[in-house]
N, C-alpha and C. Protein backbone atom coordinates (compact mmCIF):
# COMPACT_ATOMS: atom_id res chain seq x y z
N UNK A 1 10.52 -8.23 -15.42
CA UNK A 1 10.38 -7.69 -14.06
C UNK A 1 9.67 -6.34 -14.13
N UNK A 2 8.74 -6.15 -13.22
CA UNK A 2 8.01 -4.89 -13.18
C UNK A 2 8.96 -3.74 -12.88
N UNK A 3 8.80 -2.65 -13.58
CA UNK A 3 9.70 -1.50 -13.42
C UNK A 3 9.10 -0.48 -12.46
N UNK A 4 9.98 0.24 -11.77
CA UNK A 4 9.55 1.34 -10.90
C UNK A 4 9.16 2.52 -11.77
N UNK A 5 8.23 3.35 -11.28
CA UNK A 5 7.90 4.60 -11.95
C UNK A 5 8.01 5.72 -10.94
N UNK A 6 8.45 6.87 -11.37
CA UNK A 6 8.62 8.00 -10.47
C UNK A 6 7.27 8.64 -10.19
N UNK A 7 7.04 9.00 -8.93
CA UNK A 7 5.81 9.68 -8.56
C UNK A 7 5.88 11.13 -9.02
N UNK A 8 4.72 11.69 -9.33
CA UNK A 8 4.66 13.07 -9.80
C UNK A 8 4.55 14.02 -8.62
N UNK A 9 5.30 15.09 -8.65
CA UNK A 9 5.20 16.12 -7.61
C UNK A 9 4.05 17.05 -7.96
N UNK A 10 3.00 17.04 -7.13
CA UNK A 10 1.81 17.82 -7.42
C UNK A 10 1.88 19.23 -6.87
N UNK A 11 2.93 19.55 -6.12
CA UNK A 11 3.02 20.86 -5.51
C UNK A 11 3.31 21.91 -6.58
N UNK A 12 2.56 22.98 -6.58
CA UNK A 12 2.73 24.03 -7.58
C UNK A 12 4.01 24.81 -7.34
N UNK A 13 4.58 25.31 -8.43
CA UNK A 13 5.83 26.06 -8.36
C UNK A 13 5.57 27.54 -8.63
N UNK A 14 6.56 28.37 -8.32
CA UNK A 14 6.46 29.77 -8.68
C UNK A 14 6.45 30.71 -7.50
N UNK A 15 6.12 30.24 -6.30
CA UNK A 15 6.09 31.09 -5.12
C UNK A 15 7.07 30.52 -4.09
N UNK A 16 7.90 31.36 -3.49
CA UNK A 16 8.82 30.86 -2.45
C UNK A 16 8.04 30.21 -1.32
N UNK A 17 8.44 29.03 -0.91
CA UNK A 17 7.74 28.28 0.12
C UNK A 17 8.38 28.49 1.48
N UNK A 18 7.55 28.65 2.50
CA UNK A 18 8.02 28.82 3.86
C UNK A 18 7.94 27.51 4.64
N UNK A 19 7.73 26.42 3.93
CA UNK A 19 7.61 25.10 4.55
C UNK A 19 8.14 24.07 3.58
N UNK A 20 8.36 22.87 4.08
CA UNK A 20 8.86 21.77 3.26
C UNK A 20 7.66 20.98 2.74
N UNK A 21 7.34 21.06 1.44
CA UNK A 21 6.17 20.35 0.91
C UNK A 21 6.25 18.84 1.07
N UNK A 22 7.47 18.29 1.01
CA UNK A 22 7.62 16.85 1.18
C UNK A 22 7.26 16.44 2.60
N UNK A 23 7.69 17.25 3.56
CA UNK A 23 7.36 16.97 4.96
C UNK A 23 5.86 17.12 5.20
N UNK A 24 5.26 18.11 4.54
CA UNK A 24 3.82 18.32 4.68
C UNK A 24 3.04 17.12 4.16
N UNK A 25 3.47 16.56 3.05
CA UNK A 25 2.80 15.39 2.49
C UNK A 25 2.95 14.19 3.42
N UNK A 26 4.14 14.04 4.01
CA UNK A 26 4.37 12.94 4.95
C UNK A 26 3.43 13.06 6.15
N UNK A 27 3.31 14.26 6.67
CA UNK A 27 2.44 14.49 7.83
C UNK A 27 0.98 14.22 7.46
N UNK A 28 0.57 14.70 6.29
CA UNK A 28 -0.80 14.50 5.84
C UNK A 28 -1.09 13.02 5.65
N UNK A 29 -0.14 12.28 5.09
CA UNK A 29 -0.32 10.85 4.89
C UNK A 29 -0.56 10.14 6.22
N UNK A 30 0.22 10.49 7.22
CA UNK A 30 0.05 9.87 8.55
C UNK A 30 -1.33 10.17 9.12
N UNK A 31 -1.80 11.40 8.92
CA UNK A 31 -3.12 11.77 9.43
C UNK A 31 -4.22 10.99 8.72
N UNK A 32 -4.16 10.96 7.39
CA UNK A 32 -5.18 10.24 6.63
C UNK A 32 -5.22 8.76 7.00
N UNK A 33 -4.02 8.17 7.17
CA UNK A 33 -3.94 6.74 7.44
C UNK A 33 -4.40 6.41 8.85
N UNK A 34 -4.19 7.32 9.80
CA UNK A 34 -4.55 7.03 11.20
C UNK A 34 -6.00 7.39 11.51
N UNK A 35 -6.53 8.44 10.84
CA UNK A 35 -7.88 8.91 11.15
C UNK A 35 -8.92 8.58 10.10
N UNK A 36 -8.46 8.33 8.86
CA UNK A 36 -9.40 8.16 7.77
C UNK A 36 -9.59 9.48 7.04
N UNK A 37 -10.05 9.44 5.81
CA UNK A 37 -10.18 10.64 4.99
C UNK A 37 -11.25 11.57 5.54
N UNK A 38 -12.45 11.05 5.75
CA UNK A 38 -13.56 11.89 6.19
C UNK A 38 -13.29 12.49 7.56
N UNK A 39 -12.71 11.72 8.47
CA UNK A 39 -12.48 12.20 9.84
C UNK A 39 -11.35 13.21 9.93
N UNK A 40 -10.52 13.28 8.90
CA UNK A 40 -9.42 14.24 8.89
C UNK A 40 -9.92 15.55 8.30
N UNK A 41 -10.02 16.57 9.13
CA UNK A 41 -10.54 17.86 8.68
C UNK A 41 -9.43 18.73 8.10
N UNK A 42 -9.84 19.78 7.42
CA UNK A 42 -8.86 20.72 6.89
C UNK A 42 -8.08 21.36 8.03
N UNK A 43 -8.75 21.68 9.13
CA UNK A 43 -8.05 22.25 10.28
C UNK A 43 -7.03 21.29 10.86
N UNK A 44 -7.35 19.99 10.85
CA UNK A 44 -6.38 18.99 11.30
C UNK A 44 -5.11 19.08 10.46
N UNK A 45 -5.29 19.17 9.16
CA UNK A 45 -4.16 19.22 8.24
C UNK A 45 -3.36 20.51 8.41
N UNK A 46 -4.07 21.63 8.56
CA UNK A 46 -3.39 22.91 8.73
C UNK A 46 -2.61 22.96 10.03
N UNK A 47 -3.22 22.45 11.10
CA UNK A 47 -2.54 22.46 12.40
C UNK A 47 -1.33 21.54 12.42
N UNK A 48 -1.46 20.38 11.80
CA UNK A 48 -0.37 19.40 11.83
C UNK A 48 0.79 19.84 10.95
N UNK A 49 0.48 20.41 9.78
CA UNK A 49 1.53 20.81 8.85
C UNK A 49 2.05 22.22 9.10
N UNK A 50 1.28 22.99 9.94
CA UNK A 50 1.64 24.37 10.24
C UNK A 50 1.69 25.23 8.98
N UNK A 51 0.72 24.98 8.09
CA UNK A 51 0.60 25.74 6.84
C UNK A 51 -0.67 26.59 6.91
N UNK A 52 -0.61 27.80 6.39
CA UNK A 52 -1.80 28.66 6.36
C UNK A 52 -2.78 28.10 5.33
N UNK A 53 -4.05 28.49 5.48
CA UNK A 53 -5.06 27.99 4.55
C UNK A 53 -4.77 28.42 3.11
N UNK A 54 -4.33 29.66 2.93
CA UNK A 54 -4.04 30.14 1.57
C UNK A 54 -2.87 29.36 0.96
N UNK A 55 -1.84 29.10 1.77
CA UNK A 55 -0.69 28.33 1.28
C UNK A 55 -1.09 26.90 0.96
N UNK A 56 -1.98 26.35 1.78
CA UNK A 56 -2.45 24.98 1.54
C UNK A 56 -3.15 24.87 0.19
N UNK A 57 -4.09 25.78 -0.06
CA UNK A 57 -4.83 25.74 -1.32
C UNK A 57 -3.92 26.02 -2.51
N UNK A 58 -2.96 26.91 -2.32
CA UNK A 58 -2.02 27.21 -3.41
C UNK A 58 -1.16 26.00 -3.75
N UNK A 59 -0.69 25.30 -2.72
CA UNK A 59 0.23 24.18 -2.93
C UNK A 59 -0.48 22.90 -3.37
N UNK A 60 -1.63 22.60 -2.74
CA UNK A 60 -2.24 21.29 -2.95
C UNK A 60 -3.61 21.33 -3.63
N UNK A 61 -4.23 22.48 -3.72
CA UNK A 61 -5.51 22.58 -4.40
C UNK A 61 -6.69 22.35 -3.49
N UNK A 62 -6.74 21.18 -2.87
CA UNK A 62 -7.85 20.84 -1.98
C UNK A 62 -7.44 19.66 -1.11
N UNK A 63 -8.24 19.39 -0.11
CA UNK A 63 -7.99 18.23 0.75
C UNK A 63 -8.00 16.95 -0.08
N UNK A 64 -8.95 16.84 -0.99
CA UNK A 64 -9.05 15.63 -1.80
C UNK A 64 -7.84 15.47 -2.72
N UNK A 65 -7.39 16.56 -3.35
CA UNK A 65 -6.22 16.48 -4.22
C UNK A 65 -4.97 16.08 -3.43
N UNK A 66 -4.86 16.60 -2.20
CA UNK A 66 -3.74 16.22 -1.36
C UNK A 66 -3.82 14.74 -1.02
N UNK A 67 -5.02 14.25 -0.73
CA UNK A 67 -5.20 12.83 -0.42
C UNK A 67 -4.79 11.96 -1.61
N UNK A 68 -5.19 12.37 -2.81
CA UNK A 68 -4.79 11.63 -4.01
C UNK A 68 -3.26 11.54 -4.10
N UNK A 69 -2.60 12.66 -3.86
CA UNK A 69 -1.15 12.70 -3.93
C UNK A 69 -0.55 11.78 -2.87
N UNK A 70 -1.09 11.83 -1.65
CA UNK A 70 -0.61 10.95 -0.57
C UNK A 70 -0.78 9.49 -0.95
N UNK A 71 -1.92 9.15 -1.53
CA UNK A 71 -2.20 7.78 -1.92
C UNK A 71 -1.24 7.29 -2.99
N UNK A 72 -1.05 8.11 -4.02
CA UNK A 72 -0.15 7.72 -5.11
C UNK A 72 1.29 7.60 -4.61
N UNK A 73 1.69 8.50 -3.74
CA UNK A 73 3.04 8.49 -3.19
C UNK A 73 3.25 7.23 -2.34
N UNK A 74 2.26 6.91 -1.52
CA UNK A 74 2.36 5.73 -0.67
C UNK A 74 2.44 4.45 -1.51
N UNK A 75 1.61 4.38 -2.55
CA UNK A 75 1.60 3.21 -3.43
C UNK A 75 2.96 3.05 -4.11
N UNK A 76 3.51 4.14 -4.61
CA UNK A 76 4.81 4.09 -5.27
C UNK A 76 5.89 3.60 -4.30
N UNK A 77 5.84 4.11 -3.09
CA UNK A 77 6.83 3.72 -2.08
C UNK A 77 6.69 2.23 -1.75
N UNK A 78 5.46 1.77 -1.61
CA UNK A 78 5.26 0.37 -1.28
C UNK A 78 5.71 -0.55 -2.41
N UNK A 79 5.44 -0.14 -3.66
CA UNK A 79 5.86 -0.95 -4.79
C UNK A 79 7.39 -1.01 -4.87
N UNK A 80 8.04 0.11 -4.63
CA UNK A 80 9.50 0.14 -4.63
C UNK A 80 10.06 -0.79 -3.56
N UNK A 81 9.41 -0.79 -2.42
CA UNK A 81 9.83 -1.66 -1.31
C UNK A 81 9.66 -3.12 -1.69
N UNK A 82 8.54 -3.47 -2.30
CA UNK A 82 8.29 -4.86 -2.70
C UNK A 82 9.32 -5.33 -3.73
N UNK A 83 9.59 -4.48 -4.72
CA UNK A 83 10.54 -4.85 -5.77
C UNK A 83 11.95 -5.03 -5.20
N UNK A 84 12.31 -4.17 -4.26
CA UNK A 84 13.63 -4.30 -3.63
C UNK A 84 13.71 -5.59 -2.83
N UNK A 85 12.65 -5.92 -2.12
CA UNK A 85 12.61 -7.16 -1.32
C UNK A 85 12.69 -8.39 -2.22
N UNK A 86 12.03 -8.33 -3.37
CA UNK A 86 12.07 -9.45 -4.31
C UNK A 86 13.48 -9.63 -4.85
N UNK A 87 14.14 -8.54 -5.16
CA UNK A 87 15.51 -8.60 -5.66
C UNK A 87 16.45 -9.21 -4.62
N UNK A 88 16.22 -8.89 -3.35
CA UNK A 88 17.10 -9.34 -2.28
C UNK A 88 16.80 -10.75 -1.79
N UNK A 89 15.60 -11.25 -2.05
CA UNK A 89 15.19 -12.56 -1.53
C UNK A 89 16.02 -13.68 -2.15
N UNK A 90 16.30 -14.71 -1.35
CA UNK A 90 17.09 -15.83 -1.84
C UNK A 90 16.35 -16.64 -2.90
N UNK A 91 15.02 -16.72 -2.77
CA UNK A 91 14.18 -17.39 -3.78
C UNK A 91 12.86 -16.64 -3.89
N UNK A 92 12.14 -16.90 -4.97
CA UNK A 92 10.83 -16.29 -5.14
C UNK A 92 9.86 -16.70 -4.05
N UNK A 93 9.96 -17.96 -3.61
CA UNK A 93 9.07 -18.44 -2.55
C UNK A 93 9.38 -17.76 -1.22
N UNK A 94 10.65 -17.58 -0.93
CA UNK A 94 11.04 -16.91 0.31
C UNK A 94 10.45 -15.49 0.33
N UNK A 95 10.46 -14.81 -0.81
CA UNK A 95 9.88 -13.46 -0.88
C UNK A 95 8.40 -13.49 -0.52
N UNK A 96 7.66 -14.44 -1.10
CA UNK A 96 6.22 -14.52 -0.82
C UNK A 96 5.97 -14.82 0.64
N UNK A 97 6.73 -15.75 1.20
CA UNK A 97 6.57 -16.10 2.61
C UNK A 97 6.85 -14.88 3.49
N UNK A 98 7.90 -14.15 3.16
CA UNK A 98 8.25 -12.96 3.93
C UNK A 98 7.18 -11.89 3.80
N UNK A 99 6.66 -11.72 2.58
CA UNK A 99 5.63 -10.71 2.32
C UNK A 99 4.39 -10.97 3.17
N UNK A 100 3.95 -12.22 3.22
CA UNK A 100 2.77 -12.56 4.00
C UNK A 100 3.04 -12.52 5.50
N UNK A 101 4.18 -13.03 5.91
CA UNK A 101 4.48 -13.06 7.34
C UNK A 101 4.71 -11.66 7.91
N UNK A 102 5.14 -10.73 7.07
CA UNK A 102 5.30 -9.35 7.54
C UNK A 102 3.96 -8.77 8.00
N UNK A 103 2.87 -9.31 7.47
CA UNK A 103 1.55 -8.82 7.87
C UNK A 103 1.23 -9.20 9.31
N UNK A 104 1.84 -10.29 9.79
CA UNK A 104 1.64 -10.68 11.19
C UNK A 104 2.29 -9.64 12.09
N UNK A 105 3.46 -9.15 11.68
CA UNK A 105 4.13 -8.11 12.47
C UNK A 105 3.26 -6.87 12.56
N UNK A 106 2.57 -6.56 11.45
CA UNK A 106 1.68 -5.41 11.44
C UNK A 106 0.56 -5.59 12.46
N UNK A 107 0.14 -6.84 12.66
CA UNK A 107 -0.96 -7.11 13.58
C UNK A 107 -0.60 -6.76 15.02
N UNK A 108 0.70 -6.66 15.31
CA UNK A 108 1.13 -6.34 16.66
C UNK A 108 1.18 -4.83 16.91
N UNK A 109 1.02 -4.03 15.84
CA UNK A 109 0.99 -2.58 16.01
C UNK A 109 -0.36 -2.19 16.61
N UNK A 110 -0.38 -1.14 17.36
CA UNK A 110 -1.61 -0.80 18.08
C UNK A 110 -2.47 0.24 17.37
N UNK A 111 -1.93 1.42 17.13
CA UNK A 111 -2.78 2.50 16.65
C UNK A 111 -2.69 2.74 15.15
N UNK A 112 -1.61 2.29 14.52
CA UNK A 112 -1.43 2.60 13.09
C UNK A 112 -2.37 1.78 12.23
N UNK A 113 -2.86 2.38 11.16
CA UNK A 113 -3.68 1.67 10.20
C UNK A 113 -2.81 1.39 8.98
N UNK A 114 -1.99 0.34 9.08
CA UNK A 114 -1.09 0.01 7.99
C UNK A 114 -1.76 -0.98 7.06
N UNK A 115 -0.98 -1.50 6.13
CA UNK A 115 -1.50 -2.49 5.21
C UNK A 115 -1.26 -2.11 3.78
N UNK A 116 -1.96 -2.78 2.89
CA UNK A 116 -1.77 -2.54 1.48
C UNK A 116 -2.27 -1.17 1.08
N UNK A 117 -1.56 -0.57 0.07
CA UNK A 117 -1.98 0.74 -0.39
C UNK A 117 -3.30 0.72 -1.13
N UNK A 118 -3.78 -0.44 -1.48
CA UNK A 118 -5.06 -0.55 -2.16
C UNK A 118 -6.20 -0.76 -1.19
N UNK A 119 -5.87 -0.74 0.11
CA UNK A 119 -6.88 -0.98 1.14
C UNK A 119 -6.98 0.21 2.07
N UNK A 120 -7.27 -0.06 3.33
CA UNK A 120 -7.33 0.96 4.37
C UNK A 120 -8.21 2.15 4.00
N UNK A 121 -7.63 3.35 3.97
CA UNK A 121 -8.41 4.57 3.79
C UNK A 121 -9.17 4.58 2.48
N UNK A 122 -8.62 4.03 1.43
CA UNK A 122 -9.28 4.08 0.12
C UNK A 122 -10.57 3.30 0.11
N UNK A 123 -10.79 2.41 1.10
CA UNK A 123 -12.07 1.70 1.18
C UNK A 123 -13.22 2.67 1.39
N UNK A 124 -12.93 3.87 1.91
CA UNK A 124 -13.97 4.88 2.10
C UNK A 124 -14.56 5.33 0.77
N UNK A 125 -13.80 5.13 -0.31
CA UNK A 125 -14.24 5.61 -1.62
C UNK A 125 -14.84 4.50 -2.49
N UNK A 126 -14.95 3.30 -1.91
CA UNK A 126 -15.45 2.17 -2.70
C UNK A 126 -16.82 2.48 -3.29
N UNK A 127 -16.92 2.28 -4.61
CA UNK A 127 -18.17 2.48 -5.36
C UNK A 127 -18.68 3.93 -5.31
N UNK A 128 -17.85 4.86 -4.86
CA UNK A 128 -18.28 6.25 -4.76
C UNK A 128 -17.43 7.19 -5.60
N UNK A 129 -16.19 6.82 -5.85
CA UNK A 129 -15.28 7.71 -6.55
C UNK A 129 -14.51 6.92 -7.59
N UNK A 130 -14.77 7.19 -8.85
CA UNK A 130 -14.18 6.43 -9.95
C UNK A 130 -12.66 6.57 -9.97
N UNK A 131 -12.16 7.78 -9.77
CA UNK A 131 -10.73 8.02 -9.85
C UNK A 131 -9.98 7.26 -8.76
N UNK A 132 -10.48 7.33 -7.52
CA UNK A 132 -9.80 6.64 -6.44
C UNK A 132 -9.93 5.12 -6.59
N UNK A 133 -11.04 4.65 -7.14
CA UNK A 133 -11.19 3.23 -7.40
C UNK A 133 -10.16 2.78 -8.44
N UNK A 134 -9.91 3.66 -9.43
CA UNK A 134 -8.91 3.34 -10.46
C UNK A 134 -7.52 3.25 -9.84
N UNK A 135 -7.18 4.21 -8.98
CA UNK A 135 -5.88 4.20 -8.31
C UNK A 135 -5.72 2.93 -7.49
N UNK A 136 -6.77 2.57 -6.76
CA UNK A 136 -6.75 1.38 -5.91
C UNK A 136 -6.58 0.12 -6.75
N UNK A 137 -7.32 0.01 -7.85
CA UNK A 137 -7.23 -1.16 -8.71
C UNK A 137 -5.84 -1.26 -9.34
N UNK A 138 -5.31 -0.15 -9.81
CA UNK A 138 -3.99 -0.15 -10.43
C UNK A 138 -2.93 -0.62 -9.44
N UNK A 139 -3.00 -0.11 -8.20
CA UNK A 139 -2.05 -0.51 -7.17
C UNK A 139 -2.15 -2.00 -6.88
N UNK A 140 -3.39 -2.50 -6.80
CA UNK A 140 -3.61 -3.91 -6.52
C UNK A 140 -3.03 -4.78 -7.62
N UNK A 141 -3.27 -4.42 -8.87
CA UNK A 141 -2.79 -5.22 -9.99
C UNK A 141 -1.26 -5.16 -10.10
N UNK A 142 -0.65 -4.06 -9.69
CA UNK A 142 0.81 -4.01 -9.66
C UNK A 142 1.35 -4.99 -8.62
N UNK A 143 0.67 -5.09 -7.49
CA UNK A 143 1.08 -6.05 -6.47
C UNK A 143 0.90 -7.48 -6.95
N UNK A 144 -0.18 -7.72 -7.68
CA UNK A 144 -0.40 -9.05 -8.26
C UNK A 144 0.74 -9.40 -9.21
N UNK A 145 1.17 -8.41 -10.00
CA UNK A 145 2.26 -8.65 -10.96
C UNK A 145 3.56 -9.00 -10.25
N UNK A 146 3.84 -8.32 -9.13
CA UNK A 146 5.05 -8.64 -8.37
C UNK A 146 4.97 -10.06 -7.83
N UNK A 147 3.80 -10.43 -7.31
CA UNK A 147 3.62 -11.80 -6.81
C UNK A 147 3.78 -12.82 -7.94
N UNK A 148 3.25 -12.49 -9.12
CA UNK A 148 3.40 -13.39 -10.26
C UNK A 148 4.87 -13.54 -10.65
N UNK A 149 5.60 -12.44 -10.63
CA UNK A 149 7.03 -12.51 -10.93
C UNK A 149 7.75 -13.41 -9.93
N UNK A 150 7.36 -13.29 -8.65
CA UNK A 150 7.98 -14.10 -7.61
C UNK A 150 7.65 -15.58 -7.80
N UNK A 151 6.41 -15.86 -8.19
CA UNK A 151 6.00 -17.25 -8.43
C UNK A 151 6.78 -17.85 -9.59
N UNK A 152 6.87 -17.09 -10.69
CA UNK A 152 7.58 -17.59 -11.86
C UNK A 152 9.07 -17.77 -11.57
N UNK A 153 9.62 -16.88 -10.77
CA UNK A 153 11.01 -17.05 -10.35
C UNK A 153 11.15 -18.31 -9.51
N UNK A 154 10.21 -18.53 -8.59
CA UNK A 154 10.24 -19.73 -7.76
C UNK A 154 10.11 -20.99 -8.58
N UNK A 155 9.32 -20.94 -9.65
CA UNK A 155 9.18 -22.10 -10.53
C UNK A 155 10.49 -22.39 -11.26
N UNK A 156 11.16 -21.34 -11.70
CA UNK A 156 12.47 -21.52 -12.36
C UNK A 156 13.49 -22.08 -11.39
N UNK A 157 13.35 -21.72 -10.11
CA UNK A 157 14.29 -22.18 -9.09
C UNK A 157 13.94 -23.56 -8.54
N UNK A 158 12.78 -24.08 -8.94
CA UNK A 158 12.37 -25.41 -8.51
C UNK A 158 11.75 -25.48 -7.12
N UNK A 159 11.34 -24.31 -6.57
CA UNK A 159 10.75 -24.31 -5.23
C UNK A 159 9.23 -24.12 -5.25
N UNK A 160 8.68 -23.91 -6.44
CA UNK A 160 7.22 -23.83 -6.63
C UNK A 160 6.89 -24.70 -7.84
N UNK A 161 5.91 -25.59 -7.73
CA UNK A 161 5.57 -26.50 -8.83
C UNK A 161 5.30 -25.76 -10.15
N UNK A 162 5.88 -26.24 -11.21
CA UNK A 162 5.76 -25.55 -12.50
C UNK A 162 4.38 -25.71 -13.12
N UNK A 163 3.60 -26.70 -12.65
CA UNK A 163 2.28 -26.91 -13.24
C UNK A 163 1.25 -25.88 -12.74
N UNK A 164 1.62 -25.11 -11.73
CA UNK A 164 0.72 -24.08 -11.20
C UNK A 164 0.70 -22.88 -12.14
N UNK A 165 -0.49 -22.38 -12.44
CA UNK A 165 -0.62 -21.19 -13.29
C UNK A 165 -0.25 -19.96 -12.47
N UNK A 166 0.81 -19.27 -12.87
CA UNK A 166 1.34 -18.17 -12.06
C UNK A 166 0.36 -17.01 -11.93
N UNK A 167 -0.40 -16.73 -12.99
CA UNK A 167 -1.35 -15.62 -12.96
C UNK A 167 -2.48 -15.91 -11.97
N UNK A 168 -3.07 -17.11 -12.08
CA UNK A 168 -4.17 -17.50 -11.19
C UNK A 168 -3.70 -17.56 -9.74
N UNK A 169 -2.52 -18.13 -9.52
CA UNK A 169 -1.99 -18.27 -8.18
C UNK A 169 -1.69 -16.89 -7.57
N UNK A 170 -1.20 -15.97 -8.37
CA UNK A 170 -0.92 -14.62 -7.88
C UNK A 170 -2.22 -13.92 -7.46
N UNK A 171 -3.27 -14.07 -8.27
CA UNK A 171 -4.56 -13.48 -7.93
C UNK A 171 -5.13 -14.10 -6.65
N UNK A 172 -4.95 -15.42 -6.50
CA UNK A 172 -5.41 -16.11 -5.30
C UNK A 172 -4.69 -15.57 -4.06
N UNK A 173 -3.38 -15.43 -4.16
CA UNK A 173 -2.60 -14.91 -3.03
C UNK A 173 -3.00 -13.48 -2.70
N UNK A 174 -3.25 -12.67 -3.75
CA UNK A 174 -3.63 -11.28 -3.50
C UNK A 174 -4.98 -11.21 -2.81
N UNK A 175 -5.90 -12.08 -3.17
CA UNK A 175 -7.20 -12.09 -2.49
C UNK A 175 -7.03 -12.46 -1.02
N UNK A 176 -6.07 -13.34 -0.75
CA UNK A 176 -5.79 -13.70 0.64
C UNK A 176 -5.15 -12.53 1.38
N UNK A 177 -4.27 -11.82 0.69
CA UNK A 177 -3.64 -10.64 1.29
C UNK A 177 -4.71 -9.63 1.71
N UNK A 178 -5.72 -9.45 0.85
CA UNK A 178 -6.81 -8.53 1.16
C UNK A 178 -7.54 -8.97 2.42
N UNK A 179 -7.85 -10.26 2.50
CA UNK A 179 -8.53 -10.78 3.68
C UNK A 179 -7.69 -10.66 4.94
N UNK A 180 -6.41 -10.96 4.81
CA UNK A 180 -5.50 -10.88 5.97
C UNK A 180 -5.38 -9.43 6.43
N UNK A 181 -5.34 -8.50 5.47
CA UNK A 181 -5.25 -7.08 5.81
C UNK A 181 -6.46 -6.65 6.62
N UNK A 182 -7.64 -7.16 6.26
CA UNK A 182 -8.86 -6.84 7.01
C UNK A 182 -8.76 -7.38 8.43
N UNK A 183 -8.23 -8.58 8.58
CA UNK A 183 -8.05 -9.16 9.92
C UNK A 183 -7.09 -8.31 10.75
N UNK A 184 -6.02 -7.83 10.09
CA UNK A 184 -5.03 -7.00 10.77
C UNK A 184 -5.69 -5.71 11.26
N UNK A 185 -6.46 -5.07 10.39
CA UNK A 185 -7.12 -3.82 10.75
C UNK A 185 -8.12 -4.02 11.88
N UNK A 186 -8.76 -5.21 11.91
CA UNK A 186 -9.72 -5.52 12.96
C UNK A 186 -9.06 -5.98 14.24
N UNK A 187 -7.71 -6.00 14.23
CA UNK A 187 -6.93 -6.44 15.39
C UNK A 187 -7.30 -7.85 15.82
N UNK A 188 -7.40 -8.72 14.83
CA UNK A 188 -7.67 -10.13 15.10
C UNK A 188 -6.48 -10.76 15.81
N UNK A 189 -6.71 -11.90 16.44
CA UNK A 189 -5.65 -12.62 17.14
C UNK A 189 -4.52 -12.94 16.16
N UNK A 190 -3.29 -12.47 16.45
CA UNK A 190 -2.16 -12.74 15.54
C UNK A 190 -1.95 -14.21 15.26
N UNK A 191 -2.26 -15.07 16.22
CA UNK A 191 -2.11 -16.52 16.01
C UNK A 191 -3.05 -16.97 14.89
N UNK A 192 -4.28 -16.46 14.90
CA UNK A 192 -5.24 -16.81 13.85
C UNK A 192 -4.79 -16.29 12.50
N UNK A 193 -4.17 -15.12 12.49
CA UNK A 193 -3.65 -14.57 11.24
C UNK A 193 -2.53 -15.44 10.71
N UNK A 194 -1.67 -15.91 11.61
CA UNK A 194 -0.58 -16.80 11.21
C UNK A 194 -1.13 -18.09 10.61
N UNK A 195 -2.21 -18.61 11.18
CA UNK A 195 -2.83 -19.83 10.65
C UNK A 195 -3.40 -19.58 9.25
N UNK A 196 -4.00 -18.42 9.06
CA UNK A 196 -4.55 -18.08 7.74
C UNK A 196 -3.43 -17.96 6.71
N UNK A 197 -2.30 -17.38 7.13
CA UNK A 197 -1.15 -17.26 6.24
C UNK A 197 -0.60 -18.62 5.87
N UNK A 198 -0.55 -19.53 6.84
CA UNK A 198 -0.06 -20.87 6.57
C UNK A 198 -0.89 -21.59 5.52
N UNK A 199 -2.20 -21.39 5.58
CA UNK A 199 -3.09 -21.98 4.57
C UNK A 199 -2.80 -21.36 3.20
N UNK A 200 -2.59 -20.05 3.17
CA UNK A 200 -2.30 -19.37 1.91
C UNK A 200 -1.00 -19.89 1.30
N UNK A 201 0.02 -20.06 2.13
CA UNK A 201 1.32 -20.53 1.64
C UNK A 201 1.26 -21.97 1.15
N UNK A 202 0.30 -22.73 1.67
CA UNK A 202 0.17 -24.12 1.23
C UNK A 202 -0.18 -24.20 -0.25
N UNK A 203 -0.73 -23.11 -0.80
CA UNK A 203 -1.06 -23.08 -2.22
C UNK A 203 0.18 -23.12 -3.09
N UNK A 204 1.34 -22.86 -2.50
CA UNK A 204 2.60 -22.87 -3.25
C UNK A 204 3.22 -24.26 -3.32
N UNK A 205 2.64 -25.22 -2.58
CA UNK A 205 3.20 -26.58 -2.55
C UNK A 205 2.76 -27.40 -3.75
């Protein structure tokens, strides 16, 4: 089973803080996710977090470094959530069905840009930033591993055919997750998203 890893606290130490750095990161994450990286200005971040410019640079280094921290933190949180859901699921197949169907619920949200941590805002860095591409790829492959674990568990439980290659099937499902996430972001008809999910789940039969 894939293990959780603790996220690193990037906030510098040594100076008494007049604000809660954890709360500041949460606020910054919401801004980046709702507006996008480029559209989120330094002034947006300063106004939302109520931090002075000098304190911001001292604590986070730069807008980009803060974004990296937000991305890594979000990915860690999402992976922890997935692992907990897998542990709680009655079967490996039920976990996969729930994971995909939860994306339909996301489609009903209006303004939030939710979805996989390897998608959304990080798409702005595609083919432009090696480090962010690495973070995105690592997050994606961790999700693939969780799906593979769920498939193998389902095979042991007799609810997924054992002749299916778990690695290939996990990659196939992850590619579908990527496509479904794009549909969600584009605010596609939730009924159509449900139909796409049904086709994806048929691969488990």
